Amino acid sequence: MRGFEVTGWLISLATMAMTAGVCLGQVDGSLRNPIIPGDHPDPTILRVDKSYWTASTAGNWAPEFSLYKSADLHHWTAAGAIFTQTPAWADRDFWAPELVSDGGRVLVYYVARKIGAGLCVGVATATEPQGPYQDHGPIECQQDGSIDPAFVRDEHGAPYLIWKEDGNSQNKPTIIWAQPLTADLLHLTGEPKELIRNDPASWEGGVVEAPYILRHDGAFYLFYAGNACCGVDCKYAEGVARADRLLGPWTKDPANPIIRPNGVWKCPGHGTAVETPEGKYLFVFHAYPASGFAYLGRESLLDSIAWTKDGWPVVNRGRGAGSDPEAAPTVPPVADAFDGNALGDPWKWPIGHKPEAAVSGGKLTLTMPRNGWQSFVARPLLTASYAASVGVPAGASAGAGLGLIGDAHDDVVLSREGDALELWRSDHGGKHVLWRKPVEAAGTVWLRVTSSQPGRASFSYRVGEGAWSTAGLPFQLKELLPWDSGLRVGVVVDGAEGTSGSFERFSLRGAAAE
């Protein structure tokens, strides 16, 4: 099977081996970020034997919690997803997975919204990081919501779940809790104990969240994020607290926040530490890129941890998040020729709306479902400026288009509608045609969307090998932007139940010029 091919950077799924290459610099402080481009927030990292594994928030996109694998922290390969089927107890908001290796097995503690209820912490297990995972359902569901789980053993070796009670969502104080786990690590026992809460007069504002506890030189270090995580008004940063015993008392670092925004990255936070075989500590976390900002989403970064003489951690030598601009890796073009028999790992779809998709003979065909929703698959944007294109052949291609997608109800799409092209906007209020033009073409029509500045995109088309022609006016993307994720680009079919749309040769490249 061949899926996406990325030359020398993110993922290459060419051939059955699905090998890949990502050059990220050295682990000695010159790491190049992001480790995986595009919207990958709330990352976790785990080392098992000689391999590293990472996953991140899925939001409302399936398959939930994509996995990536690396042997050296430089080269990352797509390795499927934790859940190939959405857990039956939940229907959305799959956030903040935390991978754990303990007792000869792998666990993932994660967040999801219980059907008809609130946010809960769930757990799943596997014998090895790539799965398959068995879901065990929710283990904590507080009235205000339970999110951002982590795992730790105390000074006596007893296992604990650490998590955040989502009090800030109800204008209440925010508390980080610890509670003992049963020996199988699948259930809570005993009573919860408060570790820290937010200080509204400090940089934390109304929020402390995303706890992760590392034990180093006999002390416990609670890494946590504070303030507003997401969107154009975010104020996120990363702090740390220290204690001699897991249940405290805890002292917050006077130097907090220890990871701050800088000219390259905004609103950093929510991380997990990992120790290399050489004994070095690294910290994976997310931040918005200064270029592209909320439109690109929160990307996963990896920075080194050092320790001061008085025992406090320092991330990236105190320079704020990530690397210098000149150290950033170049993202090469991505292409999918649909010449296998299934979609590759990067494609996603809305939870609960798995598309009827067929890949054969160099074409992807999507068929409209019975529920009347659009049928589409999408992937995160990789750079702040980009050009994406796809071919729509003649024949079974009514309503087949290329779009920028905010969520399952929000997109703007250029599509082939029989003998015409339409640029349309879909939102919760319905579908609105913005531009329409008859086009005579017996063969393939190529559709393209480009952006050279955040928040603004232009659509165009060409017939066969002809020149590109503008389709409608440039579109302002702010109204598409989800609160907690970046935009995606995808292929879309919209029409009557049972109608199909076909696509060929999808591509996505950076540094577009309108």
Protein backbone atom coordinates (compact mmCIF):
# COMPACT_ATOMS: atom_id res chain seq x y z
CA MET A 1 0.00 0.00 0.00
CA ARG A 2 1.19 3.52 -0.66
CA GLY A 3 -0.19 6.45 1.27
CA PHE A 4 1.42 9.85 1.75
CA GLU A 5 4.96 10.42 0.56
CA VAL A 6 6.99 13.17 2.23
CA THR A 7 10.51 13.64 0.94
CA GLY A 8 13.02 13.67 3.80
CA TRP A 9 10.85 15.19 6.52
CA LEU A 10 7.60 13.87 7.92
CA ILE A 11 6.25 10.58 6.65
CA SER A 12 6.93 8.33 3.70
CA LEU A 13 4.51 5.47 3.33
CA ALA A 14 5.79 4.39 -0.06
CA THR A 15 5.96 0.60 -0.26
CA MET A 16 4.72 -1.93 2.25
CA ALA A 17 7.58 -1.10 4.62
CA MET A 18 6.19 2.39 5.31
CA THR A 19 9.59 3.81 6.18
CA ALA A 20 10.07 7.50 6.92
CA GLY A 21 12.58 10.25 7.62
CA VAL A 22 12.53 13.39 9.75
CA CYS A 23 15.79 15.20 10.49
CA LEU A 24 15.47 17.11 13.73
CA GLY A 25 19.00 18.09 14.69
CA GLN A 26 20.85 16.90 17.79
CA VAL A 27 19.61 15.99 21.26
CA ASP A 28 22.29 18.20 22.86
CA GLY A 29 20.24 21.41 22.73
CA SER A 30 20.09 22.06 18.98
CA LEU A 31 16.81 20.21 18.44
CA ARG A 32 14.82 21.51 15.51
CA ASN A 33 11.12 22.02 15.94
CA PRO A 34 8.36 21.12 15.39
CA ILE A 35 9.01 17.38 15.61
CA ILE A 36 5.80 16.75 13.63
CA PRO A 37 4.36 19.67 11.65
CA GLY A 38 0.72 20.67 11.85
CA ASP A 39 -1.90 20.50 14.58
CA HIS A 40 -0.62 18.03 17.21
CA PRO A 41 -1.51 19.48 20.65
CA ASP A 42 -1.18 18.03 24.15
CA PRO A 43 1.58 15.59 23.16
CA THR A 44 2.83 12.64 25.17
CA ILE A 45 6.12 10.81 24.70
CA LEU A 46 7.20 7.34 25.82
CA ARG A 47 10.41 5.32 25.42
CA VAL A 48 10.09 1.54 25.35
CA ASP A 49 13.41 -0.29 24.88
CA LYS A 50 15.08 1.53 21.96
CA SER A 51 11.97 3.16 20.47
CA TYR A 52 10.18 6.44 21.21
CA TRP A 53 6.44 6.87 20.75
CA THR A 54 4.31 10.00 20.67
CA ALA A 55 0.60 10.75 20.39
CA SER A 56 -1.50 13.90 20.81
CA THR A 57 -5.03 15.24 21.15
CA ALA A 58 -7.43 14.00 18.47
CA GLY A 59 -10.27 16.40 19.24
CA ASN A 60 -13.25 15.34 17.19
CA TRP A 61 -11.27 13.57 14.45
CA ALA A 62 -11.01 9.81 13.94
CA PRO A 63 -9.12 7.53 14.08
CA GLU A 64 -8.39 8.83 17.58
CA PHE A 65 -4.86 9.48 18.83
CA SER A 66 -2.46 8.99 15.93
CA LEU A 67 0.80 7.28 16.89
CA TYR A 68 4.29 8.15 15.65
CA LYS A 69 7.43 6.11 16.26
CA SER A 70 11.12 7.02 16.29
CA ALA A 71 14.37 5.18 17.00
CA ASP A 72 16.43 8.33 17.52
CA LEU A 73 14.12 11.34 18.05
CA HIS A 74 15.18 12.54 14.59
CA HIS A 75 13.14 10.32 12.27
CA TRP A 76 9.42 9.80 12.96
CA THR A 77 7.12 7.31 11.23
CA ALA A 78 3.33 7.23 11.29
CA ALA A 79 2.33 4.07 13.18
CA GLY A 80 -1.46 3.95 13.09
CA ALA A 81 -3.71 5.12 15.93
CA ILE A 82 -4.53 4.05 19.46
CA PHE A 83 -8.21 3.63 18.62
CA THR A 84 -9.18 2.23 15.23
CA GLN A 85 -12.80 2.29 16.43
CA THR A 86 -14.22 5.04 18.64
CA PRO A 87 -14.82 3.72 22.20
CA ALA A 88 -18.53 3.00 22.62
CA TRP A 89 -18.93 5.11 25.78
CA ALA A 90 -17.78 8.42 24.27
CA ASP A 91 -18.67 10.58 21.27
CA ARG A 92 -16.27 13.54 21.10
CA ASP A 93 -13.48 15.63 22.65
CA PHE A 94 -10.73 13.00 22.66
CA TRP A 95 -8.01 14.99 24.40
CA ALA A 96 -4.64 14.63 26.08
CA PRO A 97 -3.52 11.00 25.79
CA GLU A 98 -0.79 9.98 28.23
CA LEU A 99 1.24 6.90 27.31
CA VAL A 100 2.58 4.81 30.19
CA SER A 101 4.79 1.73 30.31
CA ASP A 102 4.38 -0.15 33.59
CA GLY A 103 4.47 -3.79 34.63
CA GLY A 104 5.27 -5.14 31.19
CA ARG A 105 2.38 -3.51 29.38
CA VAL A 106 1.44 -0.15 27.89
CA LEU A 107 -1.46 1.97 29.09
CA VAL A 108 -2.96 5.15 27.73
CA TYR A 109 -4.93 7.42 30.04
CA TYR A 110 -6.98 9.87 28.00
CA VAL A 111 -9.95 12.26 28.00
CA ALA A 112 -13.27 11.94 26.18
CA ARG A 113 -16.79 13.24 26.60
CA LYS A 114 -19.21 10.61 27.84
CA ILE A 115 -22.31 10.29 25.67
CA GLY A 116 -24.95 12.59 27.14
CA ALA A 117 -22.64 13.70 29.95
CA GLY A 118 -19.36 15.46 30.66
CA LEU A 119 -15.63 15.05 30.29
CA CYS A 120 -14.09 11.91 31.80
CA VAL A 121 -10.71 10.24 32.15
CA GLY A 122 -10.58 6.83 30.45
CA VAL A 123 -7.93 4.14 30.15
CA ALA A 124 -6.93 1.56 27.55
CA THR A 125 -4.20 -1.10 27.57
CA ALA A 126 -1.97 -2.96 25.12
CA THR A 127 0.93 -5.38 25.26
CA GLU A 128 3.10 -3.06 23.14
CA PRO A 129 2.91 0.62 22.13
CA GLN A 130 1.57 0.04 18.60
CA GLY A 131 -1.40 -1.87 20.02
CA PRO A 132 -3.98 -3.17 19.53
CA TYR A 133 -5.48 -1.37 22.53
CA GLN A 134 -8.31 -2.67 24.69
CA ASP A 135 -10.46 0.13 26.07
CA HIS A 136 -11.60 -0.15 29.70
CA GLY A 137 -13.90 2.86 29.73
CA PRO A 138 -14.03 5.88 32.04
CA ILE A 139 -12.50 5.80 35.51
CA GLU A 140 -13.17 9.38 36.70
CA CYS A 141 -16.07 11.68 35.75
CA GLN A 142 -16.42 14.70 38.07
CA GLN A 143 -19.40 16.99 37.67
CA ASP A 144 -17.25 19.86 36.40
CA GLY A 145 -15.25 17.54 34.14
CA SER A 146 -12.09 15.47 34.62
CA ILE A 147 -9.25 16.01 32.11
CA ASP A 148 -5.50 15.86 31.50
CA PRO A 149 -4.56 12.55 33.16
CA ALA A 150 -1.06 11.44 34.13
CA PHE A 151 0.40 8.46 36.00
CA VAL A 152 3.03 8.29 38.71
CA ARG A 153 4.20 6.03 41.54
CA ASP A 154 4.80 7.62 44.92
CA GLU A 155 7.89 7.34 47.12
CA HIS A 156 6.71 3.90 48.28
CA GLY A 157 5.94 2.61 44.78
CA ALA A 158 2.15 2.95 45.06
CA PRO A 159 0.45 3.89 41.74
CA TYR A 160 -1.53 7.13 41.42
CA LEU A 161 -3.65 8.86 38.80
CA ILE A 162 -3.01 12.60 38.50
CA TRP A 163 -5.58 14.79 36.76
CA LYS A 164 -7.23 18.18 36.57
CA GLU A 165 -10.75 18.96 37.73
CA ASP A 166 -12.07 21.35 35.08
CA GLY A 167 -13.32 23.93 37.55
CA ASN A 168 -12.37 26.89 35.37
CA SER A 169 -15.08 25.83 32.89
CA GLN A 170 -17.58 26.71 35.63
CA ASN A 171 -15.75 29.82 36.90
CA LYS A 172 -14.43 27.89 39.89
CA PRO A 173 -10.87 27.32 41.17
CA THR A 174 -8.89 24.75 39.22
CA ILE A 175 -7.43 21.82 41.17
CA ILE A 176 -4.82 19.18 40.31
CA TRP A 177 -5.74 15.93 42.08
CA ALA A 178 -3.91 12.71 42.96
CA GLN A 179 -5.72 9.47 43.86
CA PRO A 180 -4.45 5.89 44.32
CA LEU A 181 -5.02 3.34 41.59
CA THR A 182 -5.81 -0.33 42.05
CA ALA A 183 -3.01 -2.80 41.38
CA ASP A 184 -4.22 -3.36 37.81
CA LEU A 185 -3.99 0.45 37.24
CA LEU A 186 -7.52 0.48 35.79
CA HIS A 187 -9.61 1.83 38.69
CA LEU A 188 -9.38 4.45 41.40
CA THR A 189 -9.35 3.56 45.07
CA GLY A 190 -9.01 5.51 48.29
CA GLU A 191 -9.62 9.27 48.37
CA PRO A 192 -8.41 12.11 46.14
CA LYS A 193 -5.80 14.52 47.46
CA GLU A 194 -5.34 18.08 46.20
CA LEU A 195 -1.78 18.80 45.02
CA ILE A 196 -2.00 22.37 43.73
CA ARG A 197 -4.60 24.87 42.57
CA ASN A 198 -4.43 28.00 40.47
CA ASP A 199 -3.33 31.36 41.85
CA PRO A 200 -5.61 33.86 40.06
CA ALA A 201 -3.31 36.76 40.93
CA SER A 202 -0.30 35.16 39.20
CA TRP A 203 0.60 34.26 35.61
CA GLU A 204 -1.66 31.19 36.01
CA GLY A 205 -4.86 33.22 35.94
CA GLY A 206 -7.88 30.95 36.23
CA VAL A 207 -6.17 27.74 35.14
CA VAL A 208 -3.62 25.14 36.12
CA GLU A 209 -3.79 21.96 34.04
CA ALA A 210 -1.88 19.34 32.06
CA PRO A 211 0.01 17.84 35.05
CA TYR A 212 3.00 15.58 34.53
CA ILE A 213 5.14 14.35 37.45
CA LEU A 214 8.81 13.45 37.07
CA ARG A 215 10.95 12.07 39.90
CA HIS A 216 14.53 13.29 39.83
CA ASP A 217 17.25 13.02 42.51
CA GLY A 218 14.69 11.94 45.09
CA ALA A 219 12.29 14.85 44.55
CA PHE A 220 8.99 15.01 42.66
CA TYR A 221 8.56 17.66 39.96
CA LEU A 222 5.05 18.58 38.86
CA PHE A 223 5.14 20.18 35.42
CA TYR A 224 1.90 22.01 34.66
CA ALA A 225 0.44 24.56 32.26
CA GLY A 226 -1.36 27.73 33.23
CA ASN A 227 -3.74 30.36 31.86
CA ALA A 228 -5.71 30.27 28.57
CA CYS A 229 -4.63 27.44 26.29
CA CYS A 230 -6.13 28.15 22.95
CA GLY A 231 -7.14 30.48 20.16
CA VAL A 232 -6.08 33.97 19.23
CA ASP A 233 -6.34 35.21 22.84
CA CYS A 234 -4.27 32.41 24.42
CA LYS A 235 -1.88 33.19 27.29
CA TYR A 236 -0.48 29.72 27.94
CA ALA A 237 2.85 28.98 29.59
CA GLU A 238 4.48 26.11 31.50
CA GLY A 239 5.34 26.05 35.20
CA VAL A 240 6.73 23.54 37.69
CA ALA A 241 6.33 22.73 41.38
CA ARG A 242 8.46 20.51 43.65
CA ALA A 243 7.83 18.22 46.61
CA ASP A 244 9.74 15.64 48.66
CA ARG A 245 6.65 13.41 48.81
CA LEU A 246 4.02 12.87 46.14
CA LEU A 247 1.18 14.19 48.29
CA GLY A 248 3.14 17.29 49.21
CA PRO A 249 3.45 19.91 50.38
CA TRP A 250 4.26 21.36 46.95
CA THR A 251 6.29 24.52 46.29
CA LYS A 252 5.98 26.34 42.98
CA ASP A 253 9.18 27.49 41.30
CA PRO A 254 9.78 31.23 41.91
CA ALA A 255 11.05 31.40 38.30
CA ASN A 256 7.71 30.28 36.85
CA PRO A 257 6.73 30.12 34.10
CA ILE A 258 9.75 28.10 33.03
CA ILE A 259 8.63 27.93 29.36
CA ARG A 260 7.46 31.26 27.99
CA PRO A 261 6.48 32.52 24.54
CA ASN A 262 9.14 34.11 22.35
CA GLY A 263 9.39 35.47 18.83
CA VAL A 264 9.15 31.98 17.30
CA TRP A 265 6.48 30.23 19.39
CA LYS A 266 3.39 31.40 21.26
CA CYS A 267 1.46 29.96 24.22
CA PRO A 268 3.68 26.93 25.06
CA GLY A 269 2.61 24.23 27.48
CA HIS A 270 1.13 20.80 28.23
CA GLY A 271 4.05 18.42 28.15
CA THR A 272 5.59 15.10 29.11
CA ALA A 273 9.22 14.30 29.93
CA VAL A 274 11.28 11.38 28.67
CA GLU A 275 14.75 10.15 29.62
CA THR A 276 17.16 9.05 26.90
CA PRO A 277 19.41 5.98 27.31
CA GLU A 278 22.25 8.44 27.96
CA GLY A 279 20.41 9.86 30.97
CA LYS A 280 19.36 13.14 29.36
CA TYR A 281 15.85 14.49 29.94
CA LEU A 282 13.73 15.93 27.15
CA PHE A 283 10.34 17.62 27.31
CA VAL A 284 7.70 17.37 24.59
CA PHE A 285 4.97 20.03 24.63
CA HIS A 286 2.95 22.13 22.22
CA ALA A 287 2.98 25.74 21.06
CA TYR A 288 1.48 27.85 18.33
CA PRO A 289 3.97 28.96 15.64
CA ALA A 290 4.32 32.73 15.48
CA SER A 291 3.93 32.41 11.70
CA GLY A 292 0.50 31.00 10.98
CA PHE A 293 -0.50 31.12 14.64
CA ALA A 294 -3.97 29.73 15.36
CA TYR A 295 -4.67 28.88 11.71
CA LEU A 296 -1.91 26.26 11.73
CA GLY A 297 -2.73 24.97 15.21
CA ARG A 298 -0.56 23.86 18.13
CA GLU A 299 2.51 21.91 17.02
CA SER A 300 4.55 19.40 19.02
CA LEU A 301 7.98 20.64 20.15
CA LEU A 302 10.86 18.86 21.87
CA ASP A 303 13.35 20.67 24.11
CA SER A 304 16.07 19.64 26.55
CA ILE A 305 15.79 19.78 30.36
CA ALA A 306 18.74 20.87 32.52
CA TRP A 307 18.89 21.38 36.28
CA THR A 308 19.98 24.38 38.31
CA LYS A 309 22.28 24.13 41.34
CA ASP A 310 19.27 24.51 43.63
CA GLY A 311 17.43 21.67 41.88
CA TRP A 312 14.93 23.36 39.57
CA PRO A 313 14.47 22.29 35.93
CA VAL A 314 15.33 24.64 33.07
CA VAL A 315 13.86 23.91 29.63
CA ASN A 316 15.68 24.96 26.43
CA ARG A 317 18.26 26.86 28.48
CA GLY A 318 15.56 29.35 29.51
CA ARG A 319 15.13 30.74 25.99
CA GLY A 320 11.42 30.04 25.80
CA ALA A 321 9.82 27.49 23.53
CA GLY A 322 11.48 25.75 20.63
CA SER A 323 14.37 26.72 18.40
CA ASP A 324 15.74 29.68 16.54
CA PRO A 325 14.05 30.39 13.19
CA GLU A 326 17.14 29.42 11.20
CA ALA A 327 17.11 25.98 12.85
CA ALA A 328 13.56 25.16 11.78
CA PRO A 329 13.28 22.21 9.39
CA THR A 330 11.97 22.65 5.87
CA VAL A 331 8.68 20.90 5.15
CA PRO A 332 8.77 19.35 1.66
CA PRO A 333 5.77 18.68 -0.59
CA VAL A 334 3.32 15.94 0.32
CA ALA A 335 1.56 13.83 -2.30
CA ASP A 336 -0.99 11.05 -2.38
CA ALA A 337 -1.46 9.36 -5.75
CA PHE A 338 -4.16 7.00 -4.38
CA ASP A 339 -2.33 4.09 -5.97
CA GLY A 340 -2.83 1.64 -3.12
CA ASN A 341 -5.98 0.00 -1.83
CA ALA A 342 -6.67 2.07 1.30
CA LEU A 343 -6.22 5.55 2.71
CA GLY A 344 -2.88 6.29 4.41
CA ASP A 345 -2.50 7.28 8.07
CA PRO A 346 -2.61 11.08 7.71
CA TRP A 347 -6.25 11.15 6.53
CA LYS A 348 -8.90 11.81 9.20
CA TRP A 349 -12.68 12.18 9.35
CA PRO A 350 -15.19 13.49 11.93
CA ILE A 351 -15.92 11.10 14.79
CA GLY A 352 -19.13 9.21 14.10
CA HIS A 353 -19.00 9.93 10.38
CA LYS A 354 -16.55 7.46 8.91
CA PRO A 355 -16.74 7.93 5.13
CA GLU A 356 -17.55 5.26 2.61
CA ALA A 357 -14.19 5.42 0.87
CA ALA A 358 -12.60 3.29 -1.85
CA VAL A 359 -9.04 3.58 -3.18
CA SER A 360 -8.32 1.86 -6.50
CA GLY A 361 -6.59 2.53 -9.79
CA GLY A 362 -5.09 5.85 -8.73
CA LYS A 363 -8.42 7.27 -7.52
CA LEU A 364 -10.13 7.90 -4.21
CA THR A 365 -13.94 7.64 -4.33
CA LEU A 366 -16.17 8.95 -1.54
CA THR A 367 -19.90 8.16 -1.40
CA MET A 368 -22.54 10.29 0.32
CA PRO A 369 -24.00 8.66 3.45
CA ARG A 370 -27.63 8.26 4.41
CA ASN A 371 -27.54 10.95 7.09
CA GLY A 372 -27.06 13.72 4.54
CA TRP A 373 -23.75 14.94 5.95
CA GLN A 374 -20.92 15.78 3.64
CA SER A 375 -18.50 12.96 3.10
CA PHE A 376 -14.90 14.05 3.50
CA VAL A 377 -11.42 13.18 4.66
CA ALA A 378 -8.91 15.79 5.75
CA ARG A 379 -5.43 16.33 7.14
CA PRO A 380 -3.74 19.17 9.08
CA LEU A 381 -2.01 21.97 7.27
CA LEU A 382 1.78 21.71 7.60
CA THR A 383 2.93 25.29 7.00
CA ALA A 384 1.55 28.80 7.37
CA SER A 385 1.68 29.35 3.60
CA TYR A 386 0.62 26.50 1.36
CA ALA A 387 -0.93 25.30 -1.87
CA ALA A 388 -3.12 22.20 -1.98
CA SER A 389 -4.56 20.69 -5.15
CA VAL A 390 -6.48 17.66 -6.35
CA GLY A 391 -7.87 16.41 -9.64
CA VAL A 392 -11.59 15.70 -10.12
CA PRO A 393 -12.13 13.44 -13.15
CA ALA A 394 -15.23 13.46 -15.33
CA GLY A 395 -17.93 10.90 -14.68
CA ALA A 396 -18.80 9.92 -11.11
CA SER A 397 -17.73 13.23 -9.63
CA ALA A 398 -20.87 15.23 -8.84
CA GLY A 399 -20.19 17.57 -5.93
CA ALA A 400 -16.56 16.52 -5.53
CA GLY A 401 -14.36 19.30 -4.26
CA LEU A 402 -11.32 20.57 -2.35
CA GLY A 403 -11.86 22.50 0.86
CA LEU A 404 -10.49 24.16 3.95
CA ILE A 405 -12.21 22.67 6.98
CA GLY A 406 -12.71 23.95 10.51
CA ASP A 407 -14.85 21.10 11.81
CA ALA A 408 -17.56 18.74 10.61
CA HIS A 409 -20.02 21.62 10.06
CA ASP A 410 -17.68 24.36 8.90
CA ASP A 411 -15.83 24.49 5.57
CA VAL A 412 -15.33 26.40 2.35
CA VAL A 413 -15.09 24.23 -0.77
CA LEU A 414 -14.46 24.56 -4.50
CA SER A 415 -16.28 21.67 -6.19
CA ARG A 416 -17.13 20.26 -9.59
CA GLU A 417 -20.91 20.19 -9.98
CA GLY A 418 -21.51 18.44 -13.31
CA ASP A 419 -20.75 21.00 -16.03
CA ALA A 420 -20.04 23.84 -13.58
CA LEU A 421 -17.74 24.80 -10.75
CA GLU A 422 -19.02 26.15 -7.44
CA LEU A 423 -17.28 27.82 -4.52
CA TRP A 424 -19.46 27.34 -1.47
CA ARG A 425 -19.46 27.81 2.27
CA SER A 426 -21.05 25.33 4.65
CA ASP A 427 -21.84 26.12 8.27
CA HIS A 428 -24.41 25.20 10.90
CA GLY A 429 -26.97 27.27 9.01
CA GLY A 430 -26.58 25.39 5.75
CA LYS A 431 -24.77 25.65 2.43
CA HIS A 432 -24.23 29.00 0.68
CA VAL A 433 -22.94 29.32 -2.89
CA LEU A 434 -20.34 32.12 -3.15
CA TRP A 435 -19.39 31.75 -6.83
CA ARG A 436 -20.43 29.61 -9.79
CA LYS A 437 -19.15 29.24 -13.35
CA PRO A 438 -20.01 26.81 -16.18
CA VAL A 439 -16.96 24.81 -17.28
CA GLU A 440 -16.80 22.53 -20.28
CA ALA A 441 -14.35 19.69 -19.68
CA ALA A 442 -14.47 16.09 -20.80
CA GLY A 443 -11.51 15.12 -18.62
CA THR A 444 -10.00 16.09 -15.29
CA VAL A 445 -10.52 19.49 -13.70
CA TRP A 446 -7.85 20.49 -11.19
CA LEU A 447 -8.83 22.40 -8.06
CA ARG A 448 -6.45 24.40 -5.90
CA VAL A 449 -6.45 26.42 -2.69
CA THR A 450 -3.52 28.67 -1.76
CA SER A 451 -2.60 30.91 1.14
CA SER A 452 0.38 33.21 1.48
CA GLN A 453 -0.75 34.91 4.67
CA PRO A 454 -2.54 33.54 7.73
CA GLY A 455 -6.29 33.87 7.66
CA ARG A 456 -6.70 34.42 3.91
CA ALA A 457 -7.00 31.86 1.11
CA SER A 458 -7.76 31.90 -2.61
CA PHE A 459 -9.26 29.17 -4.79
CA SER A 460 -8.49 28.47 -8.43
CA TYR A 461 -8.98 25.81 -11.10
CA ARG A 462 -7.58 24.63 -14.38
CA VAL A 463 -8.86 22.33 -17.11
CA GLY A 464 -6.38 19.65 -18.13
CA GLU A 465 -2.93 21.18 -18.50
CA GLY A 466 -4.25 24.74 -18.97
CA ALA A 467 -3.47 27.80 -16.90
CA TRP A 468 -4.90 28.37 -13.43
CA SER A 469 -7.95 30.64 -13.26
CA THR A 470 -9.28 32.35 -10.13
CA ALA A 471 -12.47 30.98 -8.61
CA GLY A 472 -14.34 33.67 -6.68
CA LEU A 473 -12.89 36.19 -4.25
CA PRO A 474 -10.22 35.50 -1.60
CA PHE A 475 -11.81 34.04 1.50
CA GLN A 476 -11.24 35.27 5.07
CA LEU A 477 -10.77 32.17 7.25
CA LYS A 478 -11.29 33.54 10.76
CA GLU A 479 -14.92 32.39 10.88
CA LEU A 480 -13.79 28.82 10.10
CA LEU A 481 -11.26 28.64 12.89
CA PRO A 482 -12.07 26.18 15.70
CA TRP A 483 -11.33 27.33 19.24
CA ASP A 484 -8.81 24.60 20.01
CA SER A 485 -7.34 23.38 16.71
CA GLY A 486 -5.94 24.54 13.41
CA LEU A 487 -7.55 24.36 10.00
CA ARG A 488 -7.44 21.25 7.84
CA VAL A 489 -7.45 20.71 4.10
CA GLY A 490 -9.46 17.89 2.60
CA VAL A 491 -11.44 16.39 -0.24
CA VAL A 492 -15.21 16.69 0.03
CA VAL A 493 -18.33 15.21 -1.57
CA ASP A 494 -21.67 16.94 -1.04
CA GLY A 495 -24.82 15.76 -2.81
CA ALA A 496 -27.77 13.42 -2.65
CA GLU A 497 -27.58 10.17 -0.71
CA GLY A 498 -25.58 7.54 -2.57
CA THR A 499 -23.87 9.91 -5.01
CA SER A 500 -20.12 9.53 -5.34
CA GLY A 501 -17.19 11.80 -6.02
CA SER A 502 -13.76 10.78 -7.25
CA PHE A 503 -10.33 12.34 -6.80
CA GLU A 504 -6.82 11.84 -8.15
CA ARG A 505 -3.33 13.07 -7.22
CA PHE A 506 -3.75 15.11 -4.06
CA SER A 507 -0.80 17.35 -3.17
CA LEU A 508 0.08 19.81 -0.43
CA ARG A 509 3.15 22.03 -0.50
CA GLY A 510 4.43 25.00 1.44
CA ALA A 511 5.59 28.50 0.49
CA ALA A 512 2.60 29.21 -1.76
CA ALA A 513 2.39 32.45 -3.67
CA GLU A 514 -1.02 33.78 -4.59
